[in-house]
Amino acid sequence: MMNRKWQVAKYLILDFSAAAISWTIFFIYRKAVIEPQRFGIDIPIEFTTRYFLGLLLIPTLWILFYYITGFYDNIYRRSRLLELGQTFLTSAVGVVIIFFTLILDDYIHTYKNYYQLFFTLFGLHFGLTYLFRLILTTRTIHRIHHRKIGFNTLLIGSNEKAERVYSEMASQKRPAGNLFAGFVGVENNDDRLLGKYLPQLGKLNELNEIIDRNNIEEVIIAIETREHERLNGILTVLENRQITIWGIPDLYDFLSGTVKTTAIYGSPLIKISNGLMPTWQANMKRLLDVVLSIIATIIFLPVFIVLALLIKKSSKGPILYKQERIGRFGKPFKIYKLRSMVHGAENGTPALSSEYDERITKIGRFLRKTHLDEIPQFYNVIKGDMSLVGPRPERKYYIEQIVKHAPHYTHLHKLRPGITSWGQVKYGYASNVDEMLERLPYDMMYLKNISLYIDFKILIYTVMVALKANGK
């Protein structure tokens, strides 16, 4: 497996350095070329406090801009040509913003100086940024082509199509980086065809275990046309994992125009595991989650202290209540709440609360109606376990019961669970599995319609419910 965090760190360091160097050269250019034209005398080049503030702030804002536009996603799957276009576009947009916010009030001799300032900054920033990226991306691509690094890949299927895909990819002059760990055969397949080249890692019903055991990063589905009825079951498992899924297009896919590929040397694979939101919205959602959670934590700190004292005074037991829930991609995490029930309310046996549950304390009833018991979950959001808006996380015990009635529930694990949700606003807390199933359609609607606009609407309605203290 490849070290994605270190690869991202290298791009961050190079992008920050490019922005800092270009800003420094631009600062010197303004002092040495532009300002003397205005004042008629040589201007001494002094690196003032304002320069050093810009040297820290400008590159940081560039990094933030690149993050929002998704440059640091899918960090090993790079195209130098696409990277050129992306760098050009982001540089142009960023320089326009800097020009109108910081440079427009500069001392100039003629309006021609504005064009000189703009194109000098753009040329410096774009040139240095792309040069540094080109060096790193080229080095990475060469390592992939020489099979020094790659993606642990699982091939699903074992008939003629799977064998053909493997043979093509294994003999590529410029490999795409797929390092085949093995294959999983479909029932009634002749596993001996692919078994000549790769080990069989298990059966279809063991996909989750196989992926975990072999650190699988990418999956290629190469099943025959007659086996497509199995595709839905396979995707239900795979789409809820943090892996990239590729499929083999049929002739109909080519004729209908649904296949888009930029790989000239590689096999024409369809990427199935596309994001639910545009990259910039997904990154902006995460950025807003962290920023708003930090602000909310500061604002609610006095409220938290008062509530903590009231909880401690009203009943024995800890102030905070933590419980294991299932999060994104099915990974468990500890969720934190202000305790609203008597200590030891469950005695080791999962039991959902109801509106008139005697286990709920007096202060706990108030906390639930106003949703103030959720305040500690801002920590979960900052940590990355949760989002401000998303399907409410459930315990594994109840998920297993829900899936028996609604197998599609697992699709919600594509998202980070939220402090509030569409289902929470429309339905409230669920006191049994049947109510969870009634709330499920709202969360499925959120999954299909997810956007920042929907998030803001849900947050507004959540605040209204909390202020009216009519939460369920």
Foldseek 3Di string as FASTA:
>chain_A
DDDLVVLLVLLLVQLLVLQLVLLVVLLVCCQQPFVCLQVVDRGDRDCDPVNVVCSVPVSVVLVVLCQLQPVSPPSLQDDLVVVLVVLLVSLLVSLVVCCVPPPVPDRGNDCVVSVVSSVSSSCSSSVSSSVSVVVSNVVSQVCQQVLVAAFEEEEEAAADQSLVQVVLQVPFNRHPRYDYQFYEHAPPHDNVRCVVPGPHQYYLVCVVVSCVVRVGAEYEYRYDPVPCVCVVVSCLLVLQANHKYKYADDPVCVVVVVFDDDDPRHHRIDTDNDDLDNSSQVSVQLVCLQVVLVVLCVVCVVVLVVLLVVLVVQADDHQKDWDWFAWASRRIDIAIWGDQFHPCPQVPPDFFADLPRPRGTPSSNLCQLLVVRRSVCSVVSNVPQAGQEAAATDHPVLVVVLCVVPVSLSSSSNHGHHSFYQLCLVPADDRDSVSVNVSSVRRVVCSNVPGVVVVVVRVVSSNVSNVVSRGD
